[in-house]
N, C-alpha and C. Protein backbone atom coordinates (compact mmCIF):
# COMPACT_ATOMS: atom_id res chain seq x y z
N UNK A 1 0.85 -1.18 0.00
CA UNK A 1 0.00 0.00 0.00
C UNK A 1 0.89 1.24 0.00
N UNK A 2 0.60 2.20 -0.90
CA UNK A 2 1.35 3.45 -0.99
C UNK A 2 0.53 4.55 -0.34
N UNK A 3 1.16 5.26 0.57
CA UNK A 3 0.48 6.36 1.24
C UNK A 3 1.10 7.66 0.75
N UNK A 4 0.27 8.52 0.19
CA UNK A 4 0.75 9.82 -0.27
C UNK A 4 0.88 10.78 0.90
N UNK A 5 1.92 11.57 0.86
CA UNK A 5 2.10 12.59 1.89
C UNK A 5 1.04 13.66 1.69
N UNK A 6 0.36 14.00 2.76
CA UNK A 6 -0.69 15.01 2.72
C UNK A 6 -0.05 16.39 2.88
N UNK A 7 -0.36 17.27 1.95
CA UNK A 7 0.15 18.64 2.03
C UNK A 7 -0.70 19.42 3.02
N UNK A 8 -0.05 20.25 3.80
CA UNK A 8 -0.79 21.12 4.71
C UNK A 8 -1.61 22.11 3.90
N UNK A 9 -2.83 22.33 4.35
CA UNK A 9 -3.69 23.26 3.63
C UNK A 9 -3.43 24.69 4.03
N UNK A 10 -2.80 24.88 5.17
CA UNK A 10 -2.54 26.25 5.63
C UNK A 10 -1.09 26.37 6.04
N UNK A 11 -0.44 27.40 5.54
CA UNK A 11 0.95 27.68 5.90
C UNK A 11 1.04 29.17 6.21
N UNK A 12 1.34 29.54 7.45
CA UNK A 12 1.34 30.95 7.84
C UNK A 12 2.60 31.72 7.42
N UNK A 13 3.52 31.09 6.72
CA UNK A 13 4.81 31.73 6.40
C UNK A 13 4.64 33.07 5.71
N UNK A 14 3.75 33.14 4.72
CA UNK A 14 3.56 34.40 3.98
C UNK A 14 3.06 35.51 4.89
N UNK A 15 2.07 35.19 5.71
CA UNK A 15 1.51 36.20 6.63
C UNK A 15 2.55 36.64 7.66
N UNK A 16 3.38 35.71 8.11
CA UNK A 16 4.43 36.06 9.07
C UNK A 16 5.40 37.06 8.46
N UNK A 17 5.73 36.89 7.19
CA UNK A 17 6.63 37.83 6.52
C UNK A 17 6.04 39.22 6.43
N UNK A 18 4.77 39.31 6.07
CA UNK A 18 4.09 40.61 5.99
C UNK A 18 4.01 41.24 7.38
N UNK A 19 3.62 40.44 8.37
CA UNK A 19 3.49 40.98 9.73
C UNK A 19 4.83 41.44 10.30
N UNK A 20 5.88 40.68 10.07
CA UNK A 20 7.21 41.05 10.58
C UNK A 20 7.71 42.31 9.89
N UNK A 21 7.48 42.41 8.59
CA UNK A 21 7.89 43.61 7.86
C UNK A 21 7.14 44.83 8.37
N UNK A 22 5.83 44.69 8.56
CA UNK A 22 5.04 45.79 9.09
C UNK A 22 5.55 46.23 10.46
N UNK A 23 5.87 45.25 11.31
CA UNK A 23 6.37 45.55 12.66
C UNK A 23 7.68 46.34 12.59
N UNK A 24 8.58 45.95 11.73
CA UNK A 24 9.87 46.64 11.59
C UNK A 24 9.67 48.07 11.08
N UNK A 25 8.82 48.21 10.07
CA UNK A 25 8.57 49.53 9.48
C UNK A 25 7.96 50.47 10.52
N UNK A 26 7.00 49.99 11.28
CA UNK A 26 6.31 50.83 12.25
C UNK A 26 7.18 51.08 13.48
N UNK A 27 7.72 50.01 14.08
CA UNK A 27 8.46 50.17 15.33
C UNK A 27 9.86 50.74 15.14
N UNK A 28 10.60 50.23 14.17
CA UNK A 28 12.00 50.64 14.03
C UNK A 28 12.16 51.94 13.24
N UNK A 29 11.35 52.10 12.19
CA UNK A 29 11.48 53.30 11.36
C UNK A 29 10.50 54.40 11.74
N UNK A 30 9.36 54.00 12.31
CA UNK A 30 8.32 54.98 12.62
C UNK A 30 7.61 55.47 11.37
N UNK A 31 7.63 54.65 10.32
CA UNK A 31 7.01 55.01 9.06
C UNK A 31 5.64 54.36 8.94
N UNK A 32 4.93 54.67 7.87
CA UNK A 32 3.58 54.15 7.63
C UNK A 32 3.66 52.94 6.71
N UNK A 33 3.00 51.85 7.09
CA UNK A 33 2.95 50.62 6.31
C UNK A 33 1.53 50.42 5.82
N UNK A 34 1.37 50.38 4.49
CA UNK A 34 0.04 50.19 3.90
C UNK A 34 0.04 48.89 3.09
N UNK A 35 -0.51 47.85 3.67
CA UNK A 35 -0.60 46.58 2.96
C UNK A 35 -1.57 46.73 1.79
N UNK A 36 -1.27 46.03 0.70
CA UNK A 36 -2.11 46.05 -0.50
C UNK A 36 -2.91 44.74 -0.54
N UNK A 37 -4.07 44.70 0.12
CA UNK A 37 -4.80 43.43 0.26
C UNK A 37 -5.74 43.09 -0.89
N UNK A 38 -6.02 44.01 -1.78
CA UNK A 38 -7.06 43.78 -2.79
C UNK A 38 -6.58 42.83 -3.88
N UNK A 39 -5.60 43.24 -4.66
CA UNK A 39 -5.07 42.42 -5.75
C UNK A 39 -3.56 42.43 -5.65
N UNK A 40 -2.97 41.24 -5.51
CA UNK A 40 -1.51 41.16 -5.41
C UNK A 40 -0.96 40.78 -6.77
N UNK A 41 -0.39 41.76 -7.45
CA UNK A 41 0.22 41.50 -8.75
C UNK A 41 1.73 41.74 -8.69
N UNK A 42 2.29 41.57 -7.50
CA UNK A 42 3.72 41.77 -7.35
C UNK A 42 4.06 42.92 -6.45
N UNK A 43 3.09 43.35 -5.66
CA UNK A 43 3.28 44.45 -4.73
C UNK A 43 2.49 44.13 -3.47
N UNK A 44 3.19 43.93 -2.37
CA UNK A 44 2.52 43.55 -1.12
C UNK A 44 2.14 44.75 -0.26
N UNK A 45 2.91 45.83 -0.36
CA UNK A 45 2.65 46.98 0.50
C UNK A 45 3.29 48.23 -0.08
N UNK A 46 2.85 49.36 0.45
CA UNK A 46 3.46 50.66 0.17
C UNK A 46 3.90 51.22 1.52
N UNK A 47 5.13 51.69 1.58
CA UNK A 47 5.64 52.30 2.80
C UNK A 47 5.79 53.80 2.53
N UNK A 48 5.33 54.61 3.50
CA UNK A 48 5.51 56.05 3.38
C UNK A 48 6.47 56.53 4.47
N UNK A 49 7.46 57.30 4.05
CA UNK A 49 8.43 57.85 4.97
C UNK A 49 7.78 58.93 5.84
N UNK A 50 8.17 58.95 7.11
CA UNK A 50 7.69 59.97 8.05
C UNK A 50 8.91 60.67 8.63
N UNK A 51 8.86 62.00 8.65
CA UNK A 51 9.92 62.79 9.27
C UNK A 51 9.30 63.75 10.27
N UNK A 52 9.83 63.77 11.48
CA UNK A 52 9.31 64.66 12.54
C UNK A 52 7.80 64.51 12.71
N UNK A 53 7.35 63.25 12.72
CA UNK A 53 5.93 62.90 12.90
C UNK A 53 5.03 63.40 11.78
N UNK A 54 5.60 63.72 10.63
CA UNK A 54 4.81 64.18 9.49
C UNK A 54 5.05 63.26 8.28
N UNK A 55 3.97 62.69 7.70
CA UNK A 55 4.13 61.93 6.46
C UNK A 55 4.72 62.84 5.38
N UNK A 56 5.63 62.28 4.59
CA UNK A 56 6.37 63.09 3.62
C UNK A 56 5.85 62.99 2.19
N UNK A 57 5.01 62.00 1.91
CA UNK A 57 4.60 61.79 0.53
C UNK A 57 5.65 61.03 -0.27
N UNK A 58 6.70 60.57 0.40
CA UNK A 58 7.74 59.76 -0.26
C UNK A 58 7.42 58.29 -0.01
N UNK A 59 7.25 57.55 -1.11
CA UNK A 59 6.78 56.17 -1.02
C UNK A 59 7.80 55.18 -1.55
N UNK A 60 7.73 53.98 -1.00
CA UNK A 60 8.52 52.83 -1.48
C UNK A 60 7.55 51.66 -1.60
N UNK A 61 7.54 51.02 -2.75
CA UNK A 61 6.74 49.81 -2.93
C UNK A 61 7.52 48.63 -2.34
N UNK A 62 6.80 47.63 -1.87
CA UNK A 62 7.44 46.49 -1.21
C UNK A 62 6.85 45.18 -1.74
N UNK A 63 7.74 44.27 -2.10
CA UNK A 63 7.36 42.88 -2.38
C UNK A 63 8.04 42.05 -1.32
N UNK A 64 7.26 41.28 -0.56
CA UNK A 64 7.79 40.48 0.54
C UNK A 64 7.74 39.01 0.14
N UNK A 65 8.88 38.35 0.20
CA UNK A 65 8.95 36.92 -0.07
C UNK A 65 9.36 36.23 1.23
N UNK A 66 8.54 35.29 1.66
CA UNK A 66 8.77 34.60 2.92
C UNK A 66 9.13 33.14 2.68
N UNK A 67 10.07 32.67 3.46
CA UNK A 67 10.47 31.27 3.40
C UNK A 67 11.70 31.06 2.55
N UNK A 68 12.52 30.13 2.97
CA UNK A 68 13.79 29.88 2.27
C UNK A 68 13.58 29.31 0.87
N UNK A 69 12.43 28.75 0.60
CA UNK A 69 12.15 28.20 -0.72
C UNK A 69 12.08 29.22 -1.83
N UNK A 70 11.98 30.49 -1.47
CA UNK A 70 11.92 31.56 -2.46
C UNK A 70 13.28 32.08 -2.89
N UNK A 71 14.35 31.59 -2.24
CA UNK A 71 15.68 32.13 -2.47
C UNK A 71 16.71 31.04 -2.68
N UNK A 72 17.80 31.43 -3.31
CA UNK A 72 18.94 30.56 -3.53
C UNK A 72 20.14 31.20 -2.86
N UNK A 73 20.85 30.43 -2.03
CA UNK A 73 22.04 30.97 -1.38
C UNK A 73 23.20 30.97 -2.36
N UNK A 74 23.92 32.08 -2.38
CA UNK A 74 25.11 32.22 -3.19
C UNK A 74 26.25 32.66 -2.28
N UNK A 75 27.44 32.77 -2.82
CA UNK A 75 28.58 33.24 -2.03
C UNK A 75 28.39 34.69 -1.59
N UNK A 76 27.65 35.46 -2.36
CA UNK A 76 27.45 36.87 -2.06
C UNK A 76 26.19 37.13 -1.22
N UNK A 77 25.36 36.14 -1.03
CA UNK A 77 24.13 36.35 -0.27
C UNK A 77 23.00 35.50 -0.81
N UNK A 78 21.88 36.14 -1.06
CA UNK A 78 20.68 35.45 -1.55
C UNK A 78 20.34 35.93 -2.95
N UNK A 79 19.82 35.02 -3.75
CA UNK A 79 19.30 35.36 -5.08
C UNK A 79 17.84 34.97 -5.13
N UNK A 80 17.08 35.75 -5.86
CA UNK A 80 15.66 35.45 -6.08
C UNK A 80 15.38 35.65 -7.56
N UNK A 81 14.85 34.64 -8.19
CA UNK A 81 14.55 34.72 -9.61
C UNK A 81 13.08 35.09 -9.79
N UNK A 82 12.84 36.05 -10.68
CA UNK A 82 11.47 36.51 -10.92
C UNK A 82 11.08 36.24 -12.36
N UNK A 83 9.78 36.20 -12.57
CA UNK A 83 9.28 36.02 -13.93
C UNK A 83 9.46 37.33 -14.69
N UNK A 84 9.45 37.26 -15.98
CA UNK A 84 9.55 38.48 -16.78
C UNK A 84 8.34 39.38 -16.55
N UNK A 85 7.20 38.80 -16.23
CA UNK A 85 6.00 39.60 -15.95
C UNK A 85 6.23 40.48 -14.73
N UNK A 86 6.73 39.90 -13.63
CA UNK A 86 7.01 40.68 -12.43
C UNK A 86 8.15 41.67 -12.67
N UNK A 87 9.18 41.23 -13.34
CA UNK A 87 10.33 42.09 -13.62
C UNK A 87 9.90 43.34 -14.37
N UNK A 88 9.15 43.17 -15.42
CA UNK A 88 8.68 44.31 -16.21
C UNK A 88 7.71 45.19 -15.43
N UNK A 89 6.87 44.58 -14.63
CA UNK A 89 5.93 45.34 -13.79
C UNK A 89 6.71 46.23 -12.82
N UNK A 90 7.72 45.65 -12.15
CA UNK A 90 8.52 46.41 -11.19
C UNK A 90 9.29 47.54 -11.87
N UNK A 91 9.84 47.27 -13.05
CA UNK A 91 10.59 48.30 -13.77
C UNK A 91 9.72 49.48 -14.18
N UNK A 92 8.44 49.23 -14.40
CA UNK A 92 7.54 50.28 -14.86
C UNK A 92 6.82 51.01 -13.73
N UNK A 93 7.07 50.63 -12.48
CA UNK A 93 6.45 51.34 -11.37
C UNK A 93 6.94 52.79 -11.35
N UNK A 94 6.10 53.67 -10.89
CA UNK A 94 6.48 55.08 -10.81
C UNK A 94 7.18 55.42 -9.49
N UNK A 95 7.29 54.44 -8.59
CA UNK A 95 8.01 54.62 -7.33
C UNK A 95 9.02 53.48 -7.19
N UNK A 96 10.06 53.67 -6.37
CA UNK A 96 11.03 52.59 -6.18
C UNK A 96 10.38 51.39 -5.49
N UNK A 97 10.93 50.23 -5.74
CA UNK A 97 10.44 49.01 -5.09
C UNK A 97 11.61 48.28 -4.47
N UNK A 98 11.37 47.66 -3.31
CA UNK A 98 12.37 46.82 -2.68
C UNK A 98 11.79 45.42 -2.50
N UNK A 99 12.64 44.44 -2.61
CA UNK A 99 12.27 43.05 -2.35
C UNK A 99 12.79 42.70 -0.97
N UNK A 100 11.89 42.25 -0.11
CA UNK A 100 12.26 41.90 1.26
C UNK A 100 12.25 40.39 1.40
N UNK A 101 13.36 39.84 1.91
CA UNK A 101 13.47 38.42 2.19
C UNK A 101 13.17 38.20 3.67
N UNK A 102 12.14 37.41 3.94
CA UNK A 102 11.84 37.03 5.32
C UNK A 102 12.02 35.52 5.41
N UNK A 103 13.08 35.13 6.12
CA UNK A 103 13.39 33.71 6.25
C UNK A 103 13.33 33.36 7.75
N UNK A 104 12.16 32.95 8.23
CA UNK A 104 11.98 32.77 9.67
C UNK A 104 12.87 31.70 10.27
N UNK A 105 13.24 30.70 9.50
CA UNK A 105 14.07 29.64 10.05
C UNK A 105 15.51 30.08 10.28
N UNK A 106 15.86 31.27 9.79
CA UNK A 106 17.20 31.81 10.04
C UNK A 106 17.09 33.07 10.85
């Protein structure tokens, strides 16, 4: 008899990455974190810089990748390969974007 391994239906890794990023942005930087919950096409959140308790109107787009399975270790650090669809989308954004690696096991 062959028993197939059952895949977990729920994995909180993605949510943990978003939550940890939000915590760092709010607590460490004191900036505004705006998650993009409606449609995720390669943008998880928008961060707004705050100076002297005043929002500045300066924004950074954020794509958060959680879990070691999203990255490849190299001698220089981590690599993440993206599809041409995401690559072109990010290049055409009107604001800068950063890719955040959240690897909870490390």
